[in-house]
Amino acid sequence: MKRLGPSFRRQRVELKKCPACHGRGVVKPMFYEMPCTDCNAGGVVDKATGEALALEDLVLQLRLKANDQQDEIDRLRSQLVNTSPTENKHGPMGTYYRGD
């Protein structure tokens, strides 16, 4: 499919931990921590090329990843609510649990 000009949507980039800072975003050369220059203090680099992302792209990619994680949390939370026994309020020996 041929395209002219830039895409209207930003594409996702596969990310991996930065090998220099091990995903922390900071390095500690001697006594104090400094921002990692290999990953622009983001802790992640492009998986295919191993290069740091531009700050605008880094913010976008991390936001997309955070949205995916929040969707997964919401999905798991709804599964947990649906499987928890809310009708069964009986305690040991069939007594009614009042919460006190």
PDB file of N, CA and C in Angstrom:
ATOM      1  N   MET A   1       0.839  -1.167   0.000  1.00  0.00           N
ATOM      2  CA  MET A   1       0.000   0.000   0.000  1.00  0.00           C
ATOM      3  C   MET A   1       0.892   1.241   0.000  1.00  0.00           C
ATOM      4  N   LYS A   2       0.723   2.069  -0.979  1.00  0.00           N
ATOM      5  CA  LYS A   2       1.547   3.265  -1.104  1.00  0.00           C
ATOM      6  C   LYS A   2       0.943   4.401  -0.301  1.00  0.00           C
ATOM      7  N   ARG A   3       1.841   5.172   0.290  1.00  0.00           N
ATOM      8  CA  ARG A   3       1.403   6.330   1.057  1.00  0.00           C
ATOM      9  C   ARG A   3       2.204   7.546   0.637  1.00  0.00           C
ATOM     10  N   LEU A   4       1.554   8.664   0.674  1.00  0.00           N
ATOM     11  CA  LEU A   4       2.229   9.926   0.427  1.00  0.00           C
ATOM     12  C   LEU A   4       2.195  10.736   1.720  1.00  0.00           C
ATOM     13  N   GLY A   5       3.314  11.199   2.173  1.00  0.00           N
ATOM     14  CA  GLY A   5       3.362  12.018   3.375  1.00  0.00           C
ATOM     15  C   GLY A   5       3.395  11.177   4.641  1.00  0.00           C
ATOM     16  N   PRO A   6       3.367  11.846   5.774  1.00  0.00           N
ATOM     17  CA  PRO A   6       3.454  11.139   7.051  1.00  0.00           C
ATOM     18  C   PRO A   6       2.156  10.422   7.395  1.00  0.00           C
ATOM     19  N   SER A   7       2.283   9.438   8.255  1.00  0.00           N
ATOM     20  CA  SER A   7       1.115   8.701   8.699  1.00  0.00           C
ATOM     21  C   SER A   7       0.329   9.548   9.695  1.00  0.00           C
ATOM     22  N   PHE A   8      -0.986   9.345   9.742  1.00  0.00           N
ATOM     23  CA  PHE A   8      -1.819  10.083  10.679  1.00  0.00           C
ATOM     24  C   PHE A   8      -1.728   9.504  12.082  1.00  0.00           C
ATOM     25  N   ARG A   9      -1.316   8.268  12.204  1.00  0.00           N
ATOM     26  CA  ARG A   9      -1.204   7.619  13.504  1.00  0.00           C
ATOM     27  C   ARG A   9       0.249   7.305  13.783  1.00  0.00           C
ATOM     28  N   ARG A  10       0.632   7.429  15.032  1.00  0.00           N
ATOM     29  CA  ARG A  10       1.985   7.081  15.436  1.00  0.00           C
ATOM     30  C   ARG A  10       2.054   5.568  15.615  1.00  0.00           C
ATOM     31  N   GLN A  11       3.104   4.985  15.144  1.00  0.00           N
ATOM     32  CA  GLN A  11       3.270   3.540  15.227  1.00  0.00           C
ATOM     33  C   GLN A  11       3.934   3.174  16.547  1.00  0.00           C
ATOM     34  N   ARG A  12       3.555   2.018  17.074  1.00  0.00           N
ATOM     35  CA  ARG A  12       4.187   1.509  18.289  1.00  0.00           C
ATOM     36  C   ARG A  12       5.582   1.020  17.962  1.00  0.00           C
ATOM     37  N   VAL A  13       6.471   1.213  18.892  1.00  0.00           N
ATOM     38  CA  VAL A  13       7.847   0.771  18.754  1.00  0.00           C
ATOM     39  C   VAL A  13       8.099  -0.264  19.848  1.00  0.00           C
ATOM     40  N   GLU A  14       8.678  -1.385  19.475  1.00  0.00           N
ATOM     41  CA  GLU A  14       9.037  -2.392  20.463  1.00  0.00           C
ATOM     42  C   GLU A  14      10.192  -1.856  21.298  1.00  0.00           C
ATOM     43  N   LEU A  15      10.052  -1.932  22.608  1.00  0.00           N
ATOM     44  CA  LEU A  15      11.049  -1.383  23.513  1.00  0.00           C
ATOM     45  C   LEU A  15      11.732  -2.493  24.297  1.00  0.00           C
ATOM     46  N   LYS A  16      12.977  -2.210  24.729  1.00  0.00           N
ATOM     47  CA  LYS A  16      13.690  -3.112  25.640  1.00  0.00           C
ATOM     48  C   LYS A  16      14.440  -2.250  26.642  1.00  0.00           C
ATOM     49  N   LYS A  17      14.869  -2.865  27.740  1.00  0.00           N
ATOM     50  CA  LYS A  17      15.601  -2.134  28.764  1.00  0.00           C
ATOM     51  C   LYS A  17      16.920  -1.630  28.209  1.00  0.00           C
ATOM     52  N   CYS A  18      17.312  -0.478  28.676  1.00  0.00           N
ATOM     53  CA  CYS A  18      18.580   0.110  28.263  1.00  0.00           C
ATOM     54  C   CYS A  18      19.716  -0.716  28.866  1.00  0.00           C
ATOM     55  N   PRO A  19      20.679  -1.154  28.051  1.00  0.00           N
ATOM     56  CA  PRO A  19      21.776  -1.962  28.593  1.00  0.00           C
ATOM     57  C   PRO A  19      22.737  -1.155  29.474  1.00  0.00           C
ATOM     58  N   ALA A  20      22.785   0.159  29.310  1.00  0.00           N
ATOM     59  CA  ALA A  20      23.716   0.969  30.097  1.00  0.00           C
ATOM     60  C   ALA A  20      23.222   1.169  31.528  1.00  0.00           C
ATOM     61  N   CYS A  21      21.927   1.445  31.690  1.00  0.00           N
ATOM     62  CA  CYS A  21      21.396   1.724  33.032  1.00  0.00           C
ATOM     63  C   CYS A  21      20.498   0.605  33.549  1.00  0.00           C
ATOM     64  N   HIS A  22      20.320  -0.458  32.777  1.00  0.00           N
ATOM     65  CA  HIS A  22      19.496  -1.611  33.151  1.00  0.00           C
ATOM     66  C   HIS A  22      18.042  -1.224  33.425  1.00  0.00           C
ATOM     67  N   GLY A  23      17.528  -0.245  32.679  1.00  0.00           N
ATOM     68  CA  GLY A  23      16.127   0.136  32.784  1.00  0.00           C
ATOM     69  C   GLY A  23      15.820   1.118  33.897  1.00  0.00           C
ATOM     70  N   ARG A  24      16.823   1.626  34.596  1.00  0.00           N
ATOM     71  CA  ARG A  24      16.583   2.561  35.701  1.00  0.00           C
ATOM     72  C   ARG A  24      16.480   4.004  35.226  1.00  0.00           C
ATOM     73  N   GLY A  25      17.133   4.361  34.137  1.00  0.00           N
ATOM     74  CA  GLY A  25      17.109   5.725  33.640  1.00  0.00           C
ATOM     75  C   GLY A  25      18.197   6.598  34.231  1.00  0.00           C
ATOM     76  N   VAL A  26      18.919   6.077  35.214  1.00  0.00           N
ATOM     77  CA  VAL A  26      20.025   6.822  35.822  1.00  0.00           C
ATOM     78  C   VAL A  26      21.236   5.908  35.934  1.00  0.00           C
ATOM     79  N   VAL A  27      22.407   6.510  35.888  1.00  0.00           N
ATOM     80  CA  VAL A  27      23.656   5.775  36.103  1.00  0.00           C
ATOM     81  C   VAL A  27      24.376   6.417  37.284  1.00  0.00           C
ATOM     82  N   LYS A  28      25.161   5.615  37.972  1.00  0.00           N
ATOM     83  CA  LYS A  28      25.883   6.104  39.141  1.00  0.00           C
ATOM     84  C   LYS A  28      27.374   5.888  38.904  1.00  0.00           C
ATOM     85  N   PRO A  29      28.067   6.875  38.317  1.00  0.00           N
ATOM     86  CA  PRO A  29      29.479   6.687  38.007  1.00  0.00           C
ATOM     87  C   PRO A  29      30.343   6.558  39.258  1.00  0.00           C
ATOM     88  N   MET A  30      30.152   7.389  40.255  1.00  0.00           N
ATOM     89  CA  MET A  30      30.951   7.305  41.482  1.00  0.00           C
ATOM     90  C   MET A  30      30.065   7.474  42.707  1.00  0.00           C
ATOM     91  N   PHE A  31      29.698   8.701  43.017  1.00  0.00           N
ATOM     92  CA  PHE A  31      29.006   8.978  44.271  1.00  0.00           C
ATOM     93  C   PHE A  31      27.570   9.449  44.109  1.00  0.00           C
ATOM     94  N   TYR A  32      27.186   9.885  42.947  1.00  0.00           N
ATOM     95  CA  TYR A  32      25.855  10.440  42.757  1.00  0.00           C
ATOM     96  C   TYR A  32      25.277   9.907  41.452  1.00  0.00           C
ATOM     97  N   GLU A  33      23.954   9.976  41.339  1.00  0.00           N
ATOM     98  CA  GLU A  33      23.275   9.471  40.153  1.00  0.00           C
ATOM     99  C   GLU A  33      23.150  10.582  39.113  1.00  0.00           C
ATOM    100  N   MET A  34      23.330  10.190  37.865  1.00  0.00           N
ATOM    101  CA  MET A  34      23.189  11.110  36.737  1.00  0.00           C
ATOM    102  C   MET A  34      22.213  10.502  35.739  1.00  0.00           C
ATOM    103  N   PRO A  35      21.484  11.335  34.978  1.00  0.00           N
ATOM    104  CA  PRO A  35      20.590  10.789  33.946  1.00  0.00           C
ATOM    105  C   PRO A  35      21.394  10.012  32.903  1.00  0.00           C
ATOM    106  N   CYS A  36      20.849   8.879  32.490  1.00  0.00           N
ATOM    107  CA  CYS A  36      21.505   8.047  31.484  1.00  0.00           C
ATOM    108  C   CYS A  36      21.416   8.735  30.120  1.00  0.00           C
ATOM    109  N   THR A  37      22.548   8.900  29.479  1.00  0.00           N
ATOM    110  CA  THR A  37      22.557   9.556  28.169  1.00  0.00           C
ATOM    111  C   THR A  37      22.278   8.581  27.038  1.00  0.00           C
ATOM    112  N   ASP A  38      22.424   7.284  27.299  1.00  0.00           N
ATOM    113  CA  ASP A  38      22.181   6.296  26.247  1.00  0.00           C
ATOM    114  C   ASP A  38      20.701   6.134  25.931  1.00  0.00           C
ATOM    115  N   CYS A  39      19.830   6.435  26.910  1.00  0.00           N
ATOM    116  CA  CYS A  39      18.389   6.254  26.693  1.00  0.00           C
ATOM    117  C   CYS A  39      17.595   7.518  26.976  1.00  0.00           C
ATOM    118  N   ASN A  40      18.257   8.662  27.090  1.00  0.00           N
ATOM    119  CA  ASN A  40      17.607   9.937  27.420  1.00  0.00           C
ATOM    120  C   ASN A  40      16.849   9.855  28.740  1.00  0.00           C
ATOM    121  N   ALA A  41      17.384   9.112  29.701  1.00  0.00           N
ATOM    122  CA  ALA A  41      16.830   8.951  31.050  1.00  0.00           C
ATOM    123  C   ALA A  41      15.455   8.291  31.034  1.00  0.00           C
ATOM    124  N   GLY A  42      15.129   7.553  29.984  1.00  0.00           N
ATOM    125  CA  GLY A  42      13.842   6.869  29.905  1.00  0.00           C
ATOM    126  C   GLY A  42      13.901   5.437  30.380  1.00  0.00           C
ATOM    127  N   GLY A  43      15.076   4.839  30.364  1.00  0.00           N
ATOM    128  CA  GLY A  43      15.218   3.456  30.790  1.00  0.00           C
ATOM    129  C   GLY A  43      14.941   2.438  29.706  1.00  0.00           C
ATOM    130  N   VAL A  44      14.494   2.888  28.541  1.00  0.00           N
ATOM    131  CA  VAL A  44      14.187   1.973  27.440  1.00  0.00           C
ATOM    132  C   VAL A  44      14.800   2.500  26.149  1.00  0.00           C
ATOM    133  N   VAL A  45      15.113   1.568  25.245  1.00  0.00           N
ATOM    134  CA  VAL A  45      15.628   1.889  23.926  1.00  0.00           C
ATOM    135  C   VAL A  45      14.839   1.108  22.888  1.00  0.00           C
ATOM    136  N   ASP A  46      15.010   1.460  21.637  1.00  0.00           N
ATOM    137  CA  ASP A  46      14.357   0.757  20.536  1.00  0.00           C
ATOM    138  C   ASP A  46      14.907  -0.666  20.472  1.00  0.00           C
ATOM    139  N   LYS A  47      14.011  -1.648  20.439  1.00  0.00           N
ATOM    140  CA  LYS A  47      14.443  -3.048  20.455  1.00  0.00           C
ATOM    141  C   LYS A  47      15.175  -3.429  19.183  1.00  0.00           C
ATOM    142  N   ALA A  48      14.756  -2.906  18.049  1.00  0.00           N
ATOM    143  CA  ALA A  48      15.352  -3.287  16.773  1.00  0.00           C
ATOM    144  C   ALA A  48      16.731  -2.668  16.584  1.00  0.00           C
ATOM    145  N   THR A  49      16.861  -1.376  16.886  1.00  0.00           N
ATOM    146  CA  THR A  49      18.115  -0.692  16.606  1.00  0.00           C
ATOM    147  C   THR A  49      18.982  -0.502  17.840  1.00  0.00           C
ATOM    148  N   GLY A  50      18.407  -0.509  19.028  1.00  0.00           N
ATOM    149  CA  GLY A  50      19.168  -0.277  20.241  1.00  0.00           C
ATOM    150  C   GLY A  50      19.477   1.184  20.482  1.00  0.00           C
ATOM    151  N   GLU A  51      18.855   2.080  19.730  1.00  0.00           N
ATOM    152  CA  GLU A  51      19.098   3.504  19.869  1.00  0.00           C
ATOM    153  C   GLU A  51      18.059   4.133  20.785  1.00  0.00           C
ATOM    154  N   ALA A  52      18.434   5.251  21.386  1.00  0.00           N
ATOM    155  CA  ALA A  52      17.511   5.996  22.239  1.00  0.00           C
ATOM    156  C   ALA A  52      16.437   6.645  21.387  1.00  0.00           C
ATOM    157  N   LEU A  53      15.249   6.773  21.947  1.00  0.00           N
ATOM    158  CA  LEU A  53      14.154   7.450  21.265  1.00  0.00           C
ATOM    159  C   LEU A  53      14.235   8.946  21.538  1.00  0.00           C
ATOM    160  N   ALA A  54      13.715   9.734  20.625  1.00  0.00           N
ATOM    161  CA  ALA A  54      13.602  11.166  20.867  1.00  0.00           C
ATOM    162  C   ALA A  54      12.629  11.377  22.026  1.00  0.00           C
ATOM    163  N   LEU A  55      12.776  12.472  22.738  1.00  0.00           N
ATOM    164  CA  LEU A  55      11.955  12.695  23.924  1.00  0.00           C
ATOM    165  C   LEU A  55      10.462  12.685  23.617  1.00  0.00           C
ATOM    166  N   GLU A  56      10.050  13.249  22.484  1.00  0.00           N
ATOM    167  CA  GLU A  56       8.633  13.250  22.118  1.00  0.00           C
ATOM    168  C   GLU A  56       8.140  11.825  21.888  1.00  0.00           C
ATOM    169  N   ASP A  57       8.945  11.025  21.183  1.00  0.00           N
ATOM    170  CA  ASP A  57       8.576   9.635  20.925  1.00  0.00           C
ATOM    171  C   ASP A  57       8.615   8.806  22.200  1.00  0.00           C
ATOM    172  N   LEU A  58       9.557   9.092  23.075  1.00  0.00           N
ATOM    173  CA  LEU A  58       9.675   8.361  24.332  1.00  0.00           C
ATOM    174  C   LEU A  58       8.442   8.557  25.197  1.00  0.00           C
ATOM    175  N   VAL A  59       7.984   9.797  25.291  1.00  0.00           N
ATOM    176  CA  VAL A  59       6.787  10.083  26.089  1.00  0.00           C
ATOM    177  C   VAL A  59       5.577   9.369  25.492  1.00  0.00           C
ATOM    178  N   LEU A  60       5.431   9.405  24.192  1.00  0.00           N
ATOM    179  CA  LEU A  60       4.300   8.752  23.538  1.00  0.00           C
ATOM    180  C   LEU A  60       4.337   7.245  23.733  1.00  0.00           C
ATOM    181  N   GLN A  61       5.484   6.623  23.528  1.00  0.00           N
ATOM    182  CA  GLN A  61       5.587   5.171  23.656  1.00  0.00           C
ATOM    183  C   GLN A  61       5.346   4.715  25.098  1.00  0.00           C
ATOM    184  N   LEU A  62       5.861   5.463  26.067  1.00  0.00           N
ATOM    185  CA  LEU A  62       5.623   5.104  27.460  1.00  0.00           C
ATOM    186  C   LEU A  62       4.163   5.294  27.838  1.00  0.00           C
ATOM    187  N   ARG A  63       3.498   6.302  27.274  1.00  0.00           N
ATOM    188  CA  ARG A  63       2.073   6.505  27.532  1.00  0.00           C
ATOM    189  C   ARG A  63       1.259   5.360  26.940  1.00  0.00           C
ATOM    190  N   LEU A  64       1.602   4.911  25.736  1.00  0.00           N
ATOM    191  CA  LEU A  64       0.897   3.776  25.128  1.00  0.00           C
ATOM    192  C   LEU A  64       1.084   2.513  25.963  1.00  0.00           C
ATOM    193  N   LYS A  65       2.300   2.318  26.464  1.00  0.00           N
ATOM    194  CA  LYS A  65       2.573   1.145  27.295  1.00  0.00           C
ATOM    195  C   LYS A  65       1.807   1.219  28.613  1.00  0.00           C
ATOM    196  N   ALA A  66       1.735   2.408  29.213  1.00  0.00           N
ATOM    197  CA  ALA A  66       0.984   2.583  30.454  1.00  0.00           C
ATOM    198  C   ALA A  66      -0.509   2.337  30.231  1.00  0.00           C
ATOM    199  N   ASN A  67      -1.032   2.783  29.098  1.00  0.00           N
ATOM    200  CA  ASN A  67      -2.441   2.536  28.783  1.00  0.00           C
ATOM    201  C   ASN A  67      -2.717   1.050  28.642  1.00  0.00           C
ATOM    202  N   ASP A  68      -1.814   0.322  27.989  1.00  0.00           N
ATOM    203  CA  ASP A  68      -1.985  -1.124  27.848  1.00  0.00           C
ATOM    204  C   ASP A  68      -1.971  -1.819  29.206  1.00  0.00           C
ATOM    205  N   GLN A  69      -1.064  -1.390  30.080  1.00  0.00           N
ATOM    206  CA  GLN A  69      -0.991  -1.988  31.407  1.00  0.00           C
ATOM    207  C   GLN A  69      -2.254  -1.683  32.212  1.00  0.00           C
ATOM    208  N   GLN A  70      -2.786  -0.470  32.096  1.00  0.00           N
ATOM    209  CA  GLN A  70      -4.009  -0.123  32.816  1.00  0.00           C
ATOM    210  C   GLN A  70      -5.200  -0.921  32.294  1.00  0.00           C
ATOM    211  N   ASP A  71      -5.278  -1.139  30.989  1.00  0.00           N
ATOM    212  CA  ASP A  71      -6.338  -1.975  30.423  1.00  0.00           C
ATOM    213  C   ASP A  71      -6.246  -3.399  30.952  1.00  0.00           C
ATOM    214  N   GLU A  72      -5.034  -3.922  31.056  1.00  0.00           N
ATOM    215  CA  GLU A  72      -4.843  -5.274  31.584  1.00  0.00           C
ATOM    216  C   GLU A  72      -5.250  -5.343  33.061  1.00  0.00           C
ATOM    217  N   ILE A  73      -4.921  -4.325  33.836  1.00  0.00           N
ATOM    218  CA  ILE A  73      -5.317  -4.291  35.242  1.00  0.00           C
ATOM    219  C   ILE A  73      -6.833  -4.259  35.365  1.00  0.00           C
ATOM    220  N   ASP A  74      -7.485  -3.439  34.557  1.00  0.00           N
ATOM    221  CA  ASP A  74      -8.945  -3.365  34.588  1.00  0.00           C
ATOM    222  C   ASP A  74      -9.580  -4.691  34.202  1.00  0.00           C
ATOM    223  N   ARG A  75      -9.020  -5.359  33.192  1.00  0.00           N
ATOM    224  CA  ARG A  75      -9.559  -6.654  32.767  1.00  0.00           C
ATOM    225  C   ARG A  75      -9.414  -7.689  33.870  1.00  0.00           C
ATOM    226  N   LEU A  76      -8.251  -7.738  34.506  1.00  0.00           N
ATOM    227  CA  LEU A  76      -8.038  -8.705  35.582  1.00  0.00           C
ATOM    228  C   LEU A  76      -8.899  -8.385  36.802  1.00  0.00           C
ATOM    229  N   ARG A  77      -9.080  -7.093  37.081  1.00  0.00           N
ATOM    230  CA  ARG A  77      -9.922  -6.700  38.213  1.00  0.00           C
ATOM    231  C   ARG A  77     -11.372  -7.110  37.978  1.00  0.00           C
ATOM    232  N   SER A  78     -11.865  -6.955  36.740  1.00  0.00           N
ATOM    233  CA  SER A  78     -13.241  -7.355  36.453  1.00  0.00           C
ATOM    234  C   SER A  78     -13.392  -8.875  36.519  1.00  0.00           C
ATOM    235  N   GLN A  79     -12.361  -9.613  36.116  1.00  0.00           N
ATOM    236  CA  GLN A  79     -12.409 -11.071  36.261  1.00  0.00           C
ATOM    237  C   GLN A  79     -12.465 -11.464  37.724  1.00  0.00           C
ATOM    238  N   LEU A  80     -11.709 -10.770  38.559  1.00  0.00           N
ATOM    239  CA  LEU A  80     -11.676 -11.082  39.982  1.00  0.00           C
ATOM    240  C   LEU A  80     -13.014 -10.792  40.632  1.00  0.00           C
ATOM    241  N   VAL A  81     -13.654  -9.690  40.252  1.00  0.00           N
ATOM    242  CA  VAL A  81     -14.955  -9.351  40.814  1.00  0.00           C
ATOM    243  C   VAL A  81     -16.002 -10.363  40.379  1.00  0.00           C
ATOM    244  N   ASN A  82     -15.941 -10.803  39.138  1.00  0.00           N
ATOM    245  CA  ASN A  82     -16.929 -11.755  38.629  1.00  0.00           C
ATOM    246  C   ASN A  82     -16.776 -13.133  39.235  1.00  0.00           C
ATOM    247  N   THR A  83     -15.586 -13.511  39.664  1.00  0.00           N
ATOM    248  CA  THR A  83     -15.383 -14.851  40.207  1.00  0.00           C
ATOM    249  C   THR A  83     -15.462 -14.897  41.724  1.00  0.00           C
ATOM    250  N   SER A  84     -15.452 -13.735  42.403  1.00  0.00           N
ATOM    251  CA  SER A  84     -15.490 -13.756  43.865  1.00  0.00           C
ATOM    252  C   SER A  84     -16.906 -14.050  44.340  1.00  0.00           C
ATOM    253  N   PRO A  85     -17.034 -14.882  45.349  1.00  0.00           N
ATOM    254  CA  PRO A  85     -18.369 -15.232  45.850  1.00  0.00           C
ATOM    255  C   PRO A  85     -18.922 -14.112  46.730  1.00  0.00           C
ATOM    256  N   THR A  86     -19.766 -13.248  46.176  1.00  0.00           N
ATOM    257  CA  THR A  86     -20.337 -12.149  46.954  1.00  0.00           C
ATOM    258  C   THR A  86     -21.612 -12.573  47.664  1.00  0.00           C
ATOM    259  N   GLU A  87     -22.273 -13.608  47.188  1.00  0.00           N
ATOM    260  CA  GLU A  87     -23.513 -14.048  47.815  1.00  0.00           C
ATOM    261  C   GLU A  87     -23.249 -14.904  49.039  1.00  0.00           C
ATOM    262  N   ASN A  88     -22.112 -15.553  49.097  1.00  0.00           N
ATOM    263  CA  ASN A  88     -21.814 -16.467  50.194  1.00  0.00           C
ATOM    264  C   ASN A  88     -21.269 -15.675  51.376  1.00  0.00           C
ATOM    265  N   LYS A  89     -22.148 -15.322  52.322  1.00  0.00           N
ATOM    266  CA  LYS A  89     -21.733 -14.572  53.491  1.00  0.00           C
ATOM    267  C   LYS A  89     -21.709 -15.450  54.734  1.00  0.00           C
ATOM    268  N   HIS A  90     -21.771 -16.735  54.535  1.00  0.00           N
ATOM    269  CA  HIS A  90     -21.785 -17.636  55.681  1.00  0.00           C
ATOM    270  C   HIS A  90     -20.370 -17.957  56.114  1.00  0.00           C
ATOM    271  N   GLY A  91     -20.172 -17.970  57.422  1.00  0.00           N
ATOM    272  CA  GLY A  91     -18.880 -18.271  57.987  1.00  0.00           C
ATOM    273  C   GLY A  91     -18.774 -19.741  58.319  1.00  0.00           C
ATOM    274  N   PRO A  92     -17.916 -20.086  59.278  1.00  0.00           N
ATOM    275  CA  PRO A  92     -17.756 -21.477  59.678  1.00  0.00           C
ATOM    276  C   PRO A  92     -19.036 -22.029  60.309  1.00  0.00           C
ATOM    277  N   MET A  93     -19.313 -23.248  60.057  1.00  0.00           N
ATOM    278  CA  MET A  93     -20.473 -23.965  60.578  1.00  0.00           C
ATOM    279  C   MET A  93     -21.788 -23.362  60.112  1.00  0.00           C
ATOM    280  N   GLY A  94     -21.781 -22.640  59.012  1.00  0.00           N
ATOM    281  CA  GLY A  94     -23.011 -22.098  58.439  1.00  0.00           C
ATOM    282  C   GLY A  94     -23.538 -20.865  59.142  1.00  0.00           C
ATOM    283  N   THR A  95     -22.766 -20.231  59.996  1.00  0.00           N
ATOM    284  CA  THR A  95     -23.222 -19.024  60.669  1.00  0.00           C
ATOM    285  C   THR A  95     -23.151 -17.847  59.724  1.00  0.00           C
ATOM    286  N   TYR A  96     -24.009 -16.876  59.983  1.00  0.00           N
ATOM    287  CA  TYR A  96     -24.042 -15.696  59.128  1.00  0.00           C
ATOM    288  C   TYR A  96     -22.940 -14.746  59.580  1.00  0.00           C
ATOM    289  N   TYR A  97     -22.120 -14.296  58.641  1.00  0.00           N
ATOM    290  CA  TYR A  97     -21.019 -13.393  58.952  1.00  0.00           C
ATOM    291  C   TYR A  97     -21.518 -11.975  58.951  1.00  0.00           C
ATOM    292  N   ARG A  98     -21.389 -11.276  60.091  1.00  0.00           N
ATOM    293  CA  ARG A  98     -21.900  -9.910  60.220  1.00  0.00           C
ATOM    294  C   ARG A  98     -20.789  -8.872  60.114  1.00  0.00           C
ATOM    295  N   GLY A  99     -19.556  -9.282  60.174  1.00  0.00           N
ATOM    296  CA  GLY A  99     -18.441  -8.364  60.035  1.00  0.00           C
ATOM    297  C   GLY A  99     -17.966  -7.747  61.320  1.00  0.00           C
ATOM    298  N   ASP A 100     -18.531  -8.146  62.500  1.00  0.00           N
ATOM    299  CA  ASP A 100     -18.036  -7.563  63.736  1.00  0.00           C
ATOM    300  C   ASP A 100     -17.203  -8.499  64.542  1.00  0.00           C
TER     301      ASP A 100
END
